[in-house]
Amino acid sequence: MITKRTLKVGEECFLEYIDDQTGERIKQIPLDEIEYNHKTAEALIEGHMRENQGVGYDKALVAVSARYPELFI
């Protein structure tokens, strides 16, 4: 399985794809601040649904936006 994660290093933002079996980075894509917020929210929503089986996208979106409102500005 491949995990997506966002990473912020100083002023630079990235989307990374990580191989779950090896832990190695497969790909790294530079992002601007708006893309970073969008991709971070997307990854958190997917993670929330994975951790809470049976929870749909709508409920996961509400949960993530309540916990991380700064991503939805």
N, C-alpha and C. Protein backbone atom coordinates (compact mmCIF):
# COMPACT_ATOMS: atom_id res chain seq x y z
N MET A 1 0.83 -1.17 0.00
CA MET A 1 0.00 0.00 0.00
C MET A 1 0.89 1.25 0.00
N ILE A 2 0.37 2.30 -0.55
CA ILE A 2 1.10 3.57 -0.62
C ILE A 2 0.35 4.60 0.22
N THR A 3 1.10 5.31 1.05
CA THR A 3 0.53 6.35 1.90
C THR A 3 0.90 7.72 1.34
N LYS A 4 -0.08 8.62 1.31
CA LYS A 4 0.20 10.01 0.94
C LYS A 4 0.35 10.80 2.23
N ARG A 5 1.33 11.70 2.24
CA ARG A 5 1.47 12.60 3.38
C ARG A 5 1.97 13.93 2.89
N THR A 6 1.62 14.96 3.64
CA THR A 6 2.13 16.29 3.32
C THR A 6 3.24 16.61 4.30
N LEU A 7 4.13 17.47 3.84
CA LEU A 7 5.31 17.81 4.62
C LEU A 7 5.62 19.28 4.40
N LYS A 8 5.92 19.98 5.48
CA LYS A 8 6.29 21.38 5.38
C LYS A 8 7.67 21.53 5.99
N VAL A 9 8.60 22.05 5.19
CA VAL A 9 9.97 22.26 5.64
C VAL A 9 10.26 23.74 5.46
N GLY A 10 10.27 24.48 6.56
CA GLY A 10 10.43 25.92 6.45
C GLY A 10 9.26 26.50 5.68
N GLU A 11 9.55 27.16 4.60
CA GLU A 11 8.51 27.76 3.75
C GLU A 11 8.09 26.84 2.61
N GLU A 12 8.77 25.71 2.45
CA GLU A 12 8.47 24.80 1.35
C GLU A 12 7.48 23.73 1.78
N CYS A 13 6.55 23.40 0.88
CA CYS A 13 5.52 22.40 1.13
C CYS A 13 5.61 21.31 0.07
N PHE A 14 5.34 20.07 0.50
CA PHE A 14 5.45 18.93 -0.41
C PHE A 14 4.33 17.93 -0.16
N LEU A 15 4.01 17.17 -1.19
CA LEU A 15 3.17 15.98 -1.08
C LEU A 15 4.11 14.82 -1.35
N GLU A 16 4.11 13.85 -0.44
CA GLU A 16 4.98 12.70 -0.60
C GLU A 16 4.15 11.42 -0.69
N TYR A 17 4.66 10.49 -1.47
CA TYR A 17 4.08 9.16 -1.55
C TYR A 17 5.10 8.20 -0.94
N ILE A 18 4.65 7.44 0.07
CA ILE A 18 5.53 6.56 0.83
C ILE A 18 5.08 5.12 0.65
N ASP A 19 6.03 4.22 0.37
CA ASP A 19 5.76 2.79 0.29
C ASP A 19 5.64 2.27 1.72
N ASP A 20 4.46 1.76 2.09
CA ASP A 20 4.22 1.29 3.45
C ASP A 20 5.12 0.13 3.85
N GLN A 21 5.47 -0.72 2.91
CA GLN A 21 6.27 -1.90 3.24
C GLN A 21 7.72 -1.54 3.52
N THR A 22 8.27 -0.61 2.76
CA THR A 22 9.68 -0.27 2.93
C THR A 22 9.89 1.02 3.70
N GLY A 23 8.86 1.88 3.76
CA GLY A 23 9.00 3.18 4.40
C GLY A 23 9.73 4.20 3.55
N GLU A 24 10.04 3.83 2.33
CA GLU A 24 10.79 4.72 1.44
C GLU A 24 9.87 5.65 0.67
N ARG A 25 10.38 6.86 0.43
CA ARG A 25 9.64 7.83 -0.37
C ARG A 25 9.71 7.43 -1.83
N ILE A 26 8.56 7.35 -2.47
CA ILE A 26 8.48 6.99 -3.87
C ILE A 26 8.54 8.25 -4.74
N LYS A 27 7.85 9.28 -4.28
CA LYS A 27 7.72 10.49 -5.08
C LYS A 27 7.50 11.68 -4.13
N GLN A 28 8.02 12.84 -4.51
CA GLN A 28 7.80 14.07 -3.75
C GLN A 28 7.43 15.18 -4.73
N ILE A 29 6.29 15.84 -4.47
CA ILE A 29 5.78 16.88 -5.35
C ILE A 29 5.73 18.20 -4.58
N PRO A 30 6.36 19.26 -5.10
CA PRO A 30 6.27 20.56 -4.43
C PRO A 30 4.85 21.14 -4.54
N LEU A 31 4.41 21.81 -3.48
CA LEU A 31 3.08 22.41 -3.44
C LEU A 31 3.17 23.86 -2.99
N ASP A 32 2.19 24.67 -3.42
CA ASP A 32 2.09 26.01 -2.83
C ASP A 32 1.22 25.87 -1.57
N GLU A 33 1.04 26.95 -0.83
CA GLU A 33 0.34 26.90 0.46
C GLU A 33 -1.11 26.41 0.32
N ILE A 34 -1.82 26.87 -0.69
CA ILE A 34 -3.22 26.46 -0.89
C ILE A 34 -3.30 24.97 -1.23
N GLU A 35 -2.42 24.51 -2.12
CA GLU A 35 -2.39 23.09 -2.47
C GLU A 35 -2.03 22.24 -1.25
N TYR A 36 -1.09 22.75 -0.45
CA TYR A 36 -0.68 22.05 0.77
C TYR A 36 -1.87 21.84 1.70
N ASN A 37 -2.64 22.90 1.95
CA ASN A 37 -3.81 22.80 2.82
C ASN A 37 -4.82 21.80 2.26
N HIS A 38 -5.06 21.88 0.95
CA HIS A 38 -6.02 20.98 0.30
C HIS A 38 -5.57 19.52 0.41
N LYS A 39 -4.32 19.25 0.10
CA LYS A 39 -3.81 17.88 0.12
C LYS A 39 -3.72 17.34 1.55
N THR A 40 -3.40 18.21 2.51
CA THR A 40 -3.36 17.79 3.91
C THR A 40 -4.75 17.39 4.36
N ALA A 41 -5.75 18.23 4.05
CA ALA A 41 -7.13 17.91 4.41
C ALA A 41 -7.57 16.61 3.75
N GLU A 42 -7.23 16.44 2.49
CA GLU A 42 -7.59 15.22 1.76
C GLU A 42 -6.99 13.98 2.44
N ALA A 43 -5.72 14.06 2.81
CA ALA A 43 -5.06 12.92 3.46
C ALA A 43 -5.67 12.64 4.83
N LEU A 44 -6.00 13.68 5.58
CA LEU A 44 -6.62 13.49 6.89
C LEU A 44 -8.01 12.88 6.78
N ILE A 45 -8.77 13.29 5.78
CA ILE A 45 -10.11 12.73 5.57
C ILE A 45 -10.00 11.25 5.21
N GLU A 46 -9.08 10.91 4.30
CA GLU A 46 -8.88 9.51 3.94
C GLU A 46 -8.46 8.69 5.15
N GLY A 47 -7.56 9.24 5.96
CA GLY A 47 -7.10 8.55 7.17
C GLY A 47 -8.23 8.35 8.17
N HIS A 48 -9.07 9.36 8.32
CA HIS A 48 -10.21 9.26 9.24
C HIS A 48 -11.16 8.14 8.79
N MET A 49 -11.41 8.05 7.51
CA MET A 49 -12.30 7.00 6.99
C MET A 49 -11.66 5.63 7.16
N ARG A 50 -10.34 5.53 6.98
CA ARG A 50 -9.64 4.26 7.13
C ARG A 50 -9.69 3.79 8.59
N GLU A 51 -9.51 4.74 9.52
CA GLU A 51 -9.49 4.41 10.95
C GLU A 51 -10.89 4.15 11.51
N ASN A 52 -11.90 4.70 10.87
CA ASN A 52 -13.28 4.58 11.35
C ASN A 52 -14.12 3.93 10.26
N GLN A 53 -14.00 2.61 10.17
CA GLN A 53 -14.70 1.85 9.14
C GLN A 53 -16.19 2.18 9.17
N GLY A 54 -16.76 2.38 8.01
CA GLY A 54 -18.18 2.68 7.89
C GLY A 54 -18.49 4.17 7.87
N VAL A 55 -17.50 5.01 8.20
CA VAL A 55 -17.71 6.46 8.15
C VAL A 55 -17.52 6.91 6.71
N GLY A 56 -18.50 7.63 6.19
CA GLY A 56 -18.42 8.13 4.82
C GLY A 56 -17.64 9.43 4.73
N TYR A 57 -17.48 9.87 3.49
CA TYR A 57 -16.71 11.08 3.23
C TYR A 57 -17.30 12.29 3.95
N ASP A 58 -18.62 12.44 3.91
CA ASP A 58 -19.26 13.62 4.52
C ASP A 58 -18.95 13.73 6.01
N LYS A 59 -19.10 12.63 6.74
CA LYS A 59 -18.83 12.66 8.18
C LYS A 59 -17.34 12.85 8.46
N ALA A 60 -16.49 12.26 7.65
CA ALA A 60 -15.06 12.43 7.82
C ALA A 60 -14.66 13.89 7.56
N LEU A 61 -15.26 14.51 6.55
CA LEU A 61 -14.98 15.92 6.25
C LEU A 61 -15.37 16.81 7.43
N VAL A 62 -16.53 16.57 8.00
CA VAL A 62 -16.99 17.35 9.16
C VAL A 62 -16.03 17.18 10.33
N ALA A 63 -15.62 15.95 10.61
CA ALA A 63 -14.71 15.68 11.73
C ALA A 63 -13.36 16.36 11.52
N VAL A 64 -12.81 16.25 10.33
CA VAL A 64 -11.50 16.84 10.05
C VAL A 64 -11.58 18.36 10.06
N SER A 65 -12.64 18.94 9.49
CA SER A 65 -12.75 20.40 9.45
C SER A 65 -12.96 20.97 10.85
N ALA A 66 -13.59 20.21 11.74
CA ALA A 66 -13.76 20.67 13.13
C ALA A 66 -12.43 20.64 13.87
N ARG A 67 -11.61 19.64 13.57
CA ARG A 67 -10.32 19.50 14.27
C ARG A 67 -9.23 20.40 13.68
N TYR A 68 -9.28 20.64 12.38
CA TYR A 68 -8.26 21.44 11.68
C TYR A 68 -8.89 22.54 10.84
N PRO A 69 -9.56 23.50 11.47
CA PRO A 69 -10.26 24.54 10.70
C PRO A 69 -9.32 25.39 9.84
N GLU A 70 -8.07 25.49 10.23
CA GLU A 70 -7.10 26.31 9.48
C GLU A 70 -6.85 25.78 8.07
N LEU A 71 -7.14 24.51 7.82
CA LEU A 71 -6.95 23.94 6.49
C LEU A 71 -8.07 24.31 5.54
N PHE A 72 -9.17 24.85 6.06
CA PHE A 72 -10.34 25.12 5.25
C PHE A 72 -10.62 26.61 5.08
N ILE A 73 -9.60 27.42 5.24
CA ILE A 73 -9.75 28.88 5.10
C ILE A 73 -9.63 29.27 3.65
